[in-house]
């Protein structure tokens, strides 16, 4: 829900990085661990104002004990020793907050955001996927280096550009049908 709301806001021509972050939190339940995580990650991002410092502090917070000032406020989840962490592994309670904080720290710049996501570690591919959706909606496909676009196009099937055209066609057709049904309902109520 947080990512969908962020992407939807990012498509708004008047969107800002802060309005996108706000939208990501708007529909989450107040006690949601994802919301608590977003607020924690954003607190660290605002405090550090620097990706490297943010990453370092975030990692320390994951391992801190409850009650320590830097500690991640979410509950410690018993994990197998192989995970090497007290909190989370591949989990939206971590990936969504981290993605949003990295997006904010990069001021929405897709290239800087992707590079920082790739270098974050942990579940960096998921973090990058989340933020790629948001940054792409915010800045558009033209904000990505053409060689990146060409590589994605070359190594992925189906053809991503054609797939996006098909999705756009389907969505606009569905919107048109919904508008027609809405108009019919209005006519029935009025007339």
Protein backbone atom coordinates (compact mmCIF):
# COMPACT_ATOMS: atom_id res chain seq x y z
CA UNK A 1 0.00 0.00 0.00
CA UNK A 2 2.81 2.42 0.87
CA UNK A 3 4.60 1.89 -2.43
CA UNK A 4 1.40 2.13 -4.51
CA UNK A 5 0.49 5.40 -2.77
CA UNK A 6 4.02 6.77 -3.33
CA UNK A 7 3.95 5.84 -7.04
CA UNK A 8 0.49 7.36 -7.47
CA UNK A 9 1.67 10.63 -5.89
CA UNK A 10 4.87 10.55 -7.96
CA UNK A 11 2.74 10.67 -11.13
CA UNK A 12 1.19 13.93 -9.90
CA UNK A 13 2.87 16.77 -11.86
CA UNK A 14 2.96 18.85 -8.66
CA UNK A 15 4.55 16.07 -6.60
CA UNK A 16 7.62 16.74 -4.49
CA UNK A 17 9.93 14.26 -2.80
CA UNK A 18 8.29 15.14 0.53
CA UNK A 19 4.73 14.78 -0.82
CA UNK A 20 5.68 11.32 -2.13
CA UNK A 21 7.01 10.28 1.28
CA UNK A 22 3.86 11.67 2.95
CA UNK A 23 1.65 9.77 0.52
CA UNK A 24 3.48 6.53 1.30
CA UNK A 25 2.44 6.86 4.95
CA UNK A 26 -1.08 8.22 4.47
CA UNK A 27 -2.99 4.95 4.19
CA UNK A 28 -1.05 2.77 6.61
CA UNK A 29 -2.58 1.85 9.96
CA UNK A 30 -1.07 3.87 12.82
CA UNK A 31 0.43 0.75 14.44
CA UNK A 32 1.77 -0.69 11.18
CA UNK A 33 5.37 -1.83 11.51
CA UNK A 34 5.91 -0.56 7.96
CA UNK A 35 4.77 2.92 9.04
CA UNK A 36 6.92 2.77 12.18
CA UNK A 37 9.82 1.71 9.97
CA UNK A 38 9.23 4.54 7.50
CA UNK A 39 9.16 7.08 10.31
CA UNK A 40 12.35 5.60 11.80
CA UNK A 41 14.21 5.52 8.46
CA UNK A 42 13.10 9.06 7.62
CA UNK A 43 14.20 10.26 11.06
CA UNK A 44 17.67 8.85 10.36
CA UNK A 45 17.69 10.32 6.83
CA UNK A 46 16.73 13.78 8.13
CA UNK A 47 19.32 13.52 10.89
CA UNK A 48 22.21 12.39 8.68
CA UNK A 49 21.29 14.12 5.40
CA UNK A 50 23.91 11.83 3.83
CA UNK A 51 23.54 8.37 2.28
CA UNK A 52 26.77 6.88 3.71
CA UNK A 53 26.00 8.13 7.23
CA UNK A 54 22.39 6.98 6.89
CA UNK A 55 23.44 3.46 5.87
CA UNK A 56 25.92 3.22 8.74
CA UNK A 57 23.41 4.45 11.31
CA UNK A 58 20.62 2.25 9.92
CA UNK A 59 22.80 -0.85 10.23
CA UNK A 60 23.73 0.09 13.81
CA UNK A 61 20.07 0.59 14.63
CA UNK A 62 19.20 -2.89 13.37
CA UNK A 63 21.61 -4.44 15.85
CA UNK A 64 20.96 -2.12 18.80
CA UNK A 65 18.96 -3.33 21.75
CA UNK A 66 15.49 -1.95 22.41
CA UNK A 67 15.85 1.19 24.51
CA UNK A 68 19.16 2.31 23.01
CA UNK A 69 18.73 5.77 21.42
CA UNK A 70 19.64 4.58 17.91
CA UNK A 71 17.66 1.33 18.11
CA UNK A 72 15.15 0.45 15.45
CA UNK A 73 11.85 0.82 17.38
CA UNK A 74 10.27 -2.28 15.87
CA UNK A 75 10.33 -5.58 17.75
CA UNK A 76 13.33 -7.87 17.55
CA UNK A 77 12.35 -10.97 15.59
CA UNK A 78 14.20 -14.18 16.43
CA UNK A 79 16.02 -15.13 13.22
CA UNK A 80 18.23 -18.05 12.41
CA UNK A 81 21.92 -17.33 13.03
CA UNK A 82 22.63 -17.55 9.31
CA UNK A 83 20.88 -14.20 8.78
CA UNK A 84 23.42 -12.34 10.90
CA UNK A 85 20.85 -9.76 12.01
CA UNK A 86 18.43 -9.25 14.86
CA UNK A 87 15.78 -7.67 12.67
CA UNK A 88 14.34 -8.68 9.36
CA UNK A 89 15.95 -10.01 6.25
CA UNK A 90 13.83 -9.87 3.12
CA UNK A 91 10.85 -8.07 4.53
CA UNK A 92 8.76 -5.03 3.57
CA UNK A 93 9.18 -3.72 7.12
CA UNK A 94 12.77 -3.02 6.10
CA UNK A 95 12.78 -2.67 2.32
CA UNK A 96 10.01 -0.07 2.02
CA UNK A 97 11.39 2.28 4.69
CA UNK A 98 14.94 2.02 3.36
CA UNK A 99 13.81 2.61 -0.24
CA UNK A 100 11.89 5.73 0.75
CA UNK A 101 14.77 7.11 2.82
CA UNK A 102 17.26 6.55 0.00
CA UNK A 103 14.85 8.20 -2.46
CA UNK A 104 14.55 11.20 -0.11
CA UNK A 105 18.30 11.44 0.43
CA UNK A 106 18.87 11.46 -3.36
CA UNK A 107 16.18 14.16 -3.72
CA UNK A 108 14.33 11.86 -6.12
CA UNK A 109 17.21 11.59 -8.59
CA UNK A 110 16.77 8.13 -10.19
CA UNK A 111 20.46 7.53 -10.96
CA UNK A 112 21.73 8.46 -7.51
CA UNK A 113 18.86 6.55 -5.93
CA UNK A 114 19.60 3.35 -7.87
CA UNK A 115 23.32 3.49 -7.20
CA UNK A 116 22.71 3.97 -3.48
CA UNK A 117 20.17 1.14 -3.41
CA UNK A 118 22.63 -1.20 -5.13
CA UNK A 119 25.26 -0.31 -2.55
CA UNK A 120 22.99 -0.58 0.48
CA UNK A 121 23.37 -4.32 0.84
CA UNK A 122 20.86 -6.63 2.47
CA UNK A 123 17.86 -6.87 0.10
CA UNK A 124 19.20 -4.25 -2.30
CA UNK A 125 17.48 -5.65 -5.40
CA UNK A 126 14.05 -5.32 -3.79
CA UNK A 127 14.91 -1.88 -2.42
CA UNK A 128 16.01 -0.82 -5.91
CA UNK A 129 12.85 -2.23 -7.48
CA UNK A 130 10.65 -0.30 -5.07
CA UNK A 131 12.48 2.96 -5.54
CA UNK A 132 12.77 2.46 -9.30
CA UNK A 133 9.00 2.49 -9.55
CA UNK A 134 8.77 5.64 -7.49
CA UNK A 135 11.66 7.49 -9.15
CA UNK A 136 10.48 6.44 -12.62
CA UNK A 137 7.00 7.76 -11.96
CA UNK A 138 8.45 10.95 -10.46
CA UNK A 139 11.05 11.82 -13.11
CA UNK A 140 9.99 9.73 -16.13
CA UNK A 141 11.92 7.27 -18.27
CA UNK A 142 14.01 10.04 -19.81
CA UNK A 143 15.71 10.62 -16.43
CA UNK A 144 17.47 7.26 -16.73
CA UNK A 145 20.70 6.95 -18.74
CA UNK A 146 19.92 5.64 -22.22
CA UNK A 147 22.48 2.83 -21.87
CA UNK A 148 20.60 1.58 -18.78
CA UNK A 149 17.33 1.62 -20.71
CA UNK A 150 18.96 -0.16 -23.65
CA UNK A 151 20.42 -2.85 -21.38
CA UNK A 152 17.08 -3.51 -19.68
CA UNK A 153 15.40 -3.64 -23.06
CA UNK A 154 18.04 -6.00 -24.46
CA UNK A 155 18.13 -8.56 -21.64
CA UNK A 156 14.45 -8.72 -20.69
CA UNK A 157 11.57 -10.40 -22.41
CA UNK A 158 8.94 -9.43 -23.15
CA UNK A 159 9.91 -6.14 -24.74
CA UNK A 160 9.51 -3.67 -21.86
CA UNK A 161 8.57 -0.68 -24.00
CA UNK A 162 5.90 -2.65 -25.85
CA UNK A 163 4.65 -4.08 -22.54
CA UNK A 164 4.30 -0.58 -21.10
CA UNK A 165 2.41 0.56 -24.20
CA UNK A 166 0.01 -2.37 -23.83
CA UNK A 167 -0.49 -1.64 -20.14
CA UNK A 168 -1.13 2.03 -20.91
CA UNK A 169 -3.71 1.06 -23.55
CA UNK A 170 -5.49 -1.30 -21.16
CA UNK A 171 -5.51 1.21 -18.32
CA UNK A 172 -6.82 4.05 -20.48
CA UNK A 173 -9.51 1.77 -21.93
CA UNK A 174 -10.58 0.74 -18.42
CA UNK A 175 -10.65 4.39 -17.34
CA UNK A 176 -12.78 5.29 -20.34
CA UNK A 177 -15.21 2.46 -19.56
CA UNK A 178 -15.40 3.58 -15.93
CA UNK A 179 -16.11 7.16 -17.01
CA UNK A 180 -18.88 5.94 -19.33
CA UNK A 181 -20.46 3.90 -16.50
CA UNK A 182 -20.20 6.86 -14.17
CA UNK A 183 -21.88 9.11 -16.73
CA UNK A 184 -24.67 6.54 -17.16
CA UNK A 185 -25.19 6.46 -13.41
CA UNK A 186 -25.29 10.27 -13.23
CA UNK A 187 -27.80 10.39 -16.08
CA UNK A 188 -29.99 7.81 -14.35
CA UNK A 189 -29.90 9.73 -11.07
CA UNK A 190 -30.62 13.10 -12.65
CA UNK A 191 -32.95 12.05 -15.41
